């Protein structure tokens, strides 16, 4: 019998995009699936919109607002699938995304192998998504994957993964104390239980950029979010060094700490001090960032938080080549207009 895939969609005030997201799940070419939508106490019409899709294959639940991780845990609690597909409420899956990864999983015949895939970022048209390729887009051991992720401060969107239920259960629930980089902590922890990472080429997910209202938005770097980011960094350092402690893995950890040092130094000196202590414990020496004249002028006008955010955006834009996706057959029917993929 073909394995059942549970597609779990946490949602909060996402009425603008949720219809398209749900249809991208329903329209998967892999037929043996269930779609689970958790409304995390939305104040708009998200709940009514989601209920309009209710069917034997689409299950809709509601809870008081508790955050993205709690919503994902709630979805996992009712999921019946042999594999888990995470899907944020403003993102999309290519129609054959799940089928191609499940076929790869069948070939592996090892439920402790994590399956990843490609992804891109778009604003309005997924057909014009920017492909976010990195060194993570290849087969590798968990130590290699996490080392490269930390050293490059790289990121894989949660939609890019397919995870067996048995490996999901080993890793445990999402950390509900985290409000930023909860996915970074979750999949870093997943690596400590996995036996390998298999990258499935030709498979695509689409992450919608510029959505400040999403559950996983990074737009507002509040003190609470910076605290969450620090905790996620701390967890991932621990995960990597628990798998393999060497000069190379310690160097990867210290590279990550150096990359994040300016954000903590400018916004929250107490967190920078903790970051510096963490570096010292693993043999590093984190220096106070040097403030250039351009950053100084910008910070005096816009503030440290906005300055650091702009620096990060410009750096990321320069490192990602513009690339148009091939036109895909992502057709959506229903109350919302069709997505323009031109």
Protein backbone atom coordinates (compact mmCIF):
# COMPACT_ATOMS: atom_id res chain seq x y z
CA UNK A 1 0.00 0.00 0.00
CA UNK A 2 1.27 3.48 -0.85
CA UNK A 3 2.35 5.48 2.23
CA UNK A 4 0.05 8.18 3.54
CA UNK A 5 1.49 11.70 3.59
CA UNK A 6 0.22 14.25 6.12
CA UNK A 7 0.48 17.85 4.88
CA UNK A 8 0.34 20.10 7.95
CA UNK A 9 -0.53 23.79 7.47
CA UNK A 10 -0.39 26.14 10.51
CA UNK A 11 -2.21 29.40 9.82
CA UNK A 12 -2.67 32.74 11.50
CA UNK A 13 -4.48 35.70 9.88
CA UNK A 14 -3.63 34.23 6.48
CA UNK A 15 -6.90 34.66 4.58
CA UNK A 16 -5.10 36.50 1.76
CA UNK A 17 -2.98 33.52 0.67
CA UNK A 18 -4.36 30.44 2.41
CA UNK A 19 -6.67 29.38 -0.42
CA UNK A 20 -3.79 29.05 -2.85
CA UNK A 21 -1.71 27.19 -0.29
CA UNK A 22 -4.45 24.67 0.44
CA UNK A 23 -5.07 24.07 -3.26
CA UNK A 24 -1.36 23.45 -3.85
CA UNK A 25 -1.65 20.70 -1.21
CA UNK A 26 -4.89 19.24 -2.57
CA UNK A 27 -3.56 19.26 -6.14
CA UNK A 28 -0.51 17.13 -5.35
CA UNK A 29 -0.14 14.29 -7.82
CA UNK A 30 0.50 11.98 -4.86
CA UNK A 31 -3.06 10.84 -4.12
CA UNK A 32 -2.67 9.12 -0.76
CA UNK A 33 -2.54 12.21 1.42
CA UNK A 34 -4.34 14.13 4.13
CA UNK A 35 -4.29 17.89 4.56
CA UNK A 36 -4.40 19.20 8.13
CA UNK A 37 -5.02 22.91 8.73
CA UNK A 38 -4.55 24.40 12.20
CA UNK A 39 -5.99 27.89 12.66
CA UNK A 40 -3.90 29.46 15.42
CA UNK A 41 -6.56 31.84 16.77
CA UNK A 42 -6.84 34.05 13.67
CA UNK A 43 -8.77 37.33 13.90
CA UNK A 44 -9.63 37.54 10.21
CA UNK A 45 -11.57 35.11 7.99
CA UNK A 46 -8.89 32.41 8.00
CA UNK A 47 -11.08 29.98 9.95
CA UNK A 48 -14.10 30.35 7.65
CA UNK A 49 -11.91 30.12 4.56
CA UNK A 50 -10.23 26.95 5.79
CA UNK A 51 -13.55 25.33 6.74
CA UNK A 52 -14.72 25.84 3.17
CA UNK A 53 -12.17 23.21 2.12
CA UNK A 54 -13.28 20.62 4.70
CA UNK A 55 -13.63 17.13 3.28
CA UNK A 56 -12.64 13.57 4.23
CA UNK A 57 -9.15 14.45 2.94
CA UNK A 58 -8.94 17.99 4.40
CA UNK A 59 -9.26 18.35 8.17
CA UNK A 60 -9.56 21.76 9.81
CA UNK A 61 -8.93 22.52 13.49
CA UNK A 62 -8.84 25.67 15.59
CA UNK A 63 -6.94 26.61 18.75
CA UNK A 64 -6.25 29.71 20.80
CA UNK A 65 -3.29 31.72 19.56
CA UNK A 66 -0.12 29.97 20.77
CA UNK A 67 2.37 30.49 17.96
CA UNK A 68 3.65 28.64 14.91
CA UNK A 69 5.40 25.81 16.75
CA UNK A 70 2.35 25.04 18.90
CA UNK A 71 0.16 24.98 15.78
CA UNK A 72 2.54 22.56 14.07
CA UNK A 73 2.57 20.33 17.15
CA UNK A 74 -1.22 20.35 17.19
CA UNK A 75 -1.27 19.28 13.56
CA UNK A 76 1.26 16.53 14.24
CA UNK A 77 -0.89 15.31 17.11
CA UNK A 78 -3.79 14.45 14.79
CA UNK A 79 -1.74 13.42 11.74
CA UNK A 80 -2.03 9.80 10.62
CA UNK A 81 0.60 9.85 7.86
CA UNK A 82 3.64 7.69 7.35
CA UNK A 83 5.45 10.84 6.16
CA UNK A 84 5.12 14.49 7.18
CA UNK A 85 5.10 17.46 4.79
CA UNK A 86 5.26 20.84 6.52
CA UNK A 87 3.66 23.75 4.63
CA UNK A 88 3.39 27.36 5.83
CA UNK A 89 0.10 29.08 5.07
CA UNK A 90 1.52 31.54 2.51
CA UNK A 91 3.78 29.11 0.63
CA UNK A 92 3.20 26.68 -2.25
CA UNK A 93 4.26 23.22 -3.39
CA UNK A 94 4.92 22.27 -7.01
CA UNK A 95 2.29 19.68 -8.05
CA UNK A 96 4.69 16.71 -8.16
CA UNK A 97 6.77 17.74 -5.12
CA UNK A 98 5.54 15.05 -2.75
CA UNK A 99 5.31 12.28 -5.33
CA UNK A 100 8.92 12.66 -6.45
CA UNK A 101 10.24 12.71 -2.89
CA UNK A 102 8.15 9.73 -1.79
CA UNK A 103 9.44 7.77 -4.79
CA UNK A 104 12.97 8.62 -3.63
CA UNK A 105 12.06 7.54 -0.09
CA UNK A 106 10.79 4.21 -1.42
CA UNK A 107 14.09 3.67 -3.21
CA UNK A 108 16.01 4.46 -0.02
CA UNK A 109 13.90 2.05 2.07
CA UNK A 110 15.39 3.68 5.17
CA UNK A 111 13.07 5.80 7.32
CA UNK A 112 16.04 7.46 9.03
CA UNK A 113 17.06 9.26 5.83
CA UNK A 114 15.91 12.88 5.54
CA UNK A 115 14.74 13.90 2.09
CA UNK A 116 15.32 17.51 1.00
CA UNK A 117 14.66 19.39 -2.23
CA UNK A 118 15.04 22.72 -4.00
CA UNK A 119 13.05 25.86 -3.32
CA UNK A 120 12.69 29.47 -4.40
CA UNK A 121 11.38 32.78 -3.08
CA UNK A 122 8.68 34.82 -4.84
CA UNK A 123 6.63 37.92 -4.13
CA UNK A 124 3.57 37.52 -6.37
CA UNK A 125 4.34 35.04 -9.16
CA UNK A 126 5.91 31.67 -8.28
CA UNK A 127 6.94 31.35 -11.92
CA UNK A 128 9.44 34.16 -11.30
CA UNK A 129 10.83 32.77 -8.06
CA UNK A 130 14.50 33.26 -7.17
CA UNK A 131 16.16 29.89 -6.73
CA UNK A 132 18.02 29.85 -3.39
CA UNK A 133 20.59 27.15 -4.17
CA UNK A 134 23.37 26.54 -1.64
CA UNK A 135 25.88 23.88 -0.61
CA UNK A 136 23.03 22.20 1.29
CA UNK A 137 21.54 21.07 -2.03
CA UNK A 138 23.33 17.72 -2.19
CA UNK A 139 23.48 14.30 -0.57
CA UNK A 140 25.54 14.40 2.62
CA UNK A 141 25.89 13.12 6.15
CA UNK A 142 24.05 14.93 8.97
CA UNK A 143 27.38 16.27 10.28
CA UNK A 144 28.29 17.64 6.85
CA UNK A 145 24.86 19.18 6.39
CA UNK A 146 24.73 20.92 9.77
CA UNK A 147 28.37 22.05 9.54
CA UNK A 148 27.73 23.71 6.20
CA UNK A 149 24.47 25.24 7.41
CA UNK A 150 26.15 26.86 10.40
CA UNK A 151 29.32 27.93 8.60
CA UNK A 152 27.37 29.63 5.79
CA UNK A 153 24.37 30.68 7.91
CA UNK A 154 22.37 28.91 5.21
CA UNK A 155 18.68 28.08 5.33
CA UNK A 156 16.32 25.47 3.92
CA UNK A 157 12.63 26.34 3.93
CA UNK A 158 10.53 23.83 5.84
CA UNK A 159 8.58 22.93 2.70
CA UNK A 160 11.72 21.45 1.14
CA UNK A 161 11.64 18.42 3.48
CA UNK A 162 9.76 15.15 3.58
CA UNK A 163 10.27 13.36 6.91
CA UNK A 164 9.20 9.86 7.88
CA UNK A 165 6.85 9.64 10.84
CA UNK A 166 9.27 7.37 12.69
CA UNK A 167 12.09 9.93 12.38
CA UNK A 168 9.68 12.73 13.29
CA UNK A 169 8.73 10.89 16.47
CA UNK A 170 12.39 10.37 17.38
CA UNK A 171 13.16 14.08 17.01
CA UNK A 172 10.24 15.13 19.20
CA UNK A 173 7.91 18.15 19.00
CA UNK A 174 8.66 21.66 17.80
CA UNK A 175 10.13 23.90 20.52
CA UNK A 176 7.22 26.17 21.51
CA UNK A 177 9.53 28.53 23.42
CA UNK A 178 11.05 29.76 20.15
CA UNK A 179 9.48 32.51 18.03
CA UNK A 180 12.31 32.93 15.51
CA UNK A 181 14.34 30.24 13.75
CA UNK A 182 12.20 27.53 15.31
CA UNK A 183 12.61 25.59 12.07
CA UNK A 184 16.40 25.99 12.26
CA UNK A 185 16.40 24.43 15.73
CA UNK A 186 13.93 21.71 14.72
CA UNK A 187 15.84 20.43 11.70
CA UNK A 188 19.18 20.85 13.48
CA UNK A 189 17.81 18.51 16.15
CA UNK A 190 16.47 16.22 13.43
CA UNK A 191 20.03 15.79 12.13
CA UNK A 192 21.11 14.19 15.41
CA UNK A 193 18.65 11.33 14.78
CA UNK A 194 19.03 11.00 11.00
CA UNK A 195 21.42 8.63 9.25
CA UNK A 196 21.80 10.80 6.17
CA UNK A 197 20.36 13.57 3.99
CA UNK A 198 19.21 12.76 0.47
CA UNK A 199 18.70 15.71 -1.88
CA UNK A 200 16.04 15.03 -4.54
CA UNK A 201 16.77 17.21 -7.61
CA UNK A 202 14.06 18.70 -9.79
CA UNK A 203 11.64 19.15 -6.88
CA UNK A 204 10.47 22.63 -5.93
CA UNK A 205 8.69 24.54 -3.18
CA UNK A 206 7.83 28.22 -3.30
CA UNK A 207 8.25 30.52 -0.29
CA UNK A 208 6.39 33.80 -0.41
CA UNK A 209 8.61 36.74 0.53
CA UNK A 210 7.61 40.06 2.04
CA UNK A 211 4.74 38.69 4.15
CA UNK A 212 5.09 40.39 7.54
CA UNK A 213 1.95 38.73 8.86
CA UNK A 214 3.04 35.12 8.46
CA UNK A 215 3.65 32.89 11.45
CA UNK A 216 7.35 32.64 10.65
CA UNK A 217 7.98 36.28 9.69
CA UNK A 218 11.45 37.70 10.46
CA UNK A 219 10.59 41.29 9.63
CA UNK A 220 10.32 42.56 13.18
CA UNK A 221 13.53 41.73 15.05
CA UNK A 222 12.19 42.35 18.54
CA UNK A 223 14.17 41.52 21.68
CA UNK A 224 12.03 38.40 22.08
CA UNK A 225 12.90 37.24 18.56
CA UNK A 226 16.59 37.95 19.07
CA UNK A 227 16.46 35.90 22.28
CA UNK A 228 14.82 33.10 20.29
CA UNK A 229 17.49 33.36 17.60
CA UNK A 230 20.22 33.13 20.22
CA UNK A 231 18.65 30.03 21.73
CA UNK A 232 18.37 28.41 18.31
CA UNK A 233 22.05 29.16 17.63
CA UNK A 234 22.99 27.74 21.01
CA UNK A 235 20.97 24.56 20.36
CA UNK A 236 22.49 24.04 16.92
CA UNK A 237 26.03 24.46 18.23
CA UNK A 238 25.26 21.82 20.83
CA UNK A 239 23.69 19.48 18.25
CA UNK A 240 26.65 19.66 15.87
CA UNK A 241 29.31 19.21 18.54
CA UNK A 242 27.37 16.30 20.06
CA UNK A 243 27.60 14.50 16.72
CA UNK A 244 31.24 15.35 16.09
CA UNK A 245 33.58 17.65 17.98
CA UNK A 246 36.59 18.56 15.87
CA UNK A 247 38.54 21.60 14.75
CA UNK A 248 36.35 21.80 11.65
CA UNK A 249 33.01 21.61 13.46
CA UNK A 250 34.12 24.13 16.11
CA UNK A 251 35.24 26.46 13.31
CA UNK A 252 31.82 26.14 11.64
CA UNK A 253 30.11 27.04 14.93
CA UNK A 254 32.36 30.05 15.51
CA UNK A 255 31.74 31.25 11.95
CA UNK A 256 28.02 31.31 12.69
CA UNK A 257 28.55 33.24 15.93
CA UNK A 258 30.68 35.80 14.08
CA UNK A 259 27.98 36.29 11.45
CA UNK A 260 25.34 37.02 14.09
CA UNK A 261 27.57 39.13 16.35
CA UNK A 262 26.66 42.55 14.79
CA UNK A 263 22.91 41.99 15.24
CA UNK A 264 23.28 41.17 18.91
CA UNK A 265 25.97 43.80 19.54
CA UNK A 266 23.94 46.69 18.06
CA UNK A 267 20.55 45.68 19.41
CA UNK A 268 21.12 43.71 22.64
CA UNK A 269 24.57 43.91 24.32
CA UNK A 270 23.54 41.33 26.91
CA UNK A 271 22.93 38.76 24.17
CA UNK A 272 26.23 39.68 22.52
CA UNK A 273 27.97 39.00 25.83
CA UNK A 274 26.34 35.56 25.98
CA UNK A 275 27.31 34.94 22.37
CA UNK A 276 30.90 35.84 23.22
CA UNK A 277 30.87 33.47 26.19
CA UNK A 278 29.54 30.68 23.96
CA UNK A 279 32.36 31.30 21.48
CA UNK A 280 34.90 31.09 24.30
CA UNK A 281 33.54 27.73 25.46
CA UNK A 282 34.18 26.20 22.04
CA UNK A 283 37.62 27.72 21.58
CA UNK A 284 36.69 30.90 19.71
CA UNK A 285 37.34 34.56 20.36
CA UNK A 286 34.46 36.83 19.37
CA UNK A 287 35.56 40.44 18.93
CA UNK A 288 33.31 43.47 19.17
CA UNK A 289 32.19 44.46 15.64
CA UNK A 290 33.92 47.48 14.07
CA UNK A 291 31.40 50.15 13.16
CA UNK A 292 32.13 51.69 9.75
CA UNK A 293 31.18 55.28 8.93
CA UNK A 294 28.37 54.20 6.57
CA UNK A 295 26.80 52.00 9.24
CA UNK A 296 27.23 54.77 11.80
CA UNK A 297 25.36 57.31 9.66
CA UNK A 298 22.64 54.81 8.77
CA UNK A 299 22.12 53.81 12.40
CA UNK A 300 21.81 57.42 13.51
CA UNK A 301 19.02 57.91 10.97
CA UNK A 302 17.21 54.57 10.94
CA UNK A 303 18.38 52.88 14.17
CA UNK A 304 20.54 49.80 14.68
CA UNK A 305 17.78 47.27 14.05
CA UNK A 306 16.77 48.71 10.66
CA UNK A 307 20.42 49.21 9.66
CA UNK A 308 21.35 45.61 10.39
CA UNK A 309 18.24 44.37 8.57
CA UNK A 310 19.07 46.44 5.46
CA UNK A 311 22.69 45.22 5.52
CA UNK A 312 21.48 41.61 5.64
CA UNK A 313 18.97 42.12 2.82
CA UNK A 314 21.54 43.76 0.53
CA UNK A 315 24.12 41.04 1.30
CA UNK A 316 21.61 38.29 0.55
CA UNK A 317 20.45 39.92 -2.68
CA UNK A 318 24.02 40.19 -3.94
CA UNK A 319 24.67 36.52 -3.22
CA UNK A 320 21.56 35.15 -4.97
CA UNK A 321 21.52 35.19 -8.79
CA UNK A 322 18.28 36.21 -10.44
CA UNK A 323 16.73 33.20 -12.10
CA UNK A 324 13.29 32.60 -13.56
CA UNK A 325 11.62 29.28 -12.92
CA UNK A 326 10.28 27.27 -15.82
CA UNK A 327 6.57 27.74 -16.27
CA UNK A 328 4.83 25.13 -14.11
CA UNK A 329 1.38 23.65 -14.37
CA UNK A 330 0.23 24.99 -10.99
CA UNK A 331 -3.43 25.56 -11.63
CA UNK A 332 -5.74 26.48 -8.78
CA UNK A 333 -9.50 26.49 -8.91
CA UNK A 334 -12.04 27.92 -6.51
CA UNK A 335 -12.94 31.26 -4.98
CA UNK A 336 -9.57 32.95 -5.45
CA UNK A 337 -8.31 34.13 -8.84
CA UNK A 338 -5.83 31.93 -10.67
CA UNK A 339 -2.18 32.43 -9.82
CA UNK A 340 -0.41 34.21 -12.67
CA UNK A 341 2.72 32.20 -13.42
CA UNK A 342 3.86 34.31 -16.34
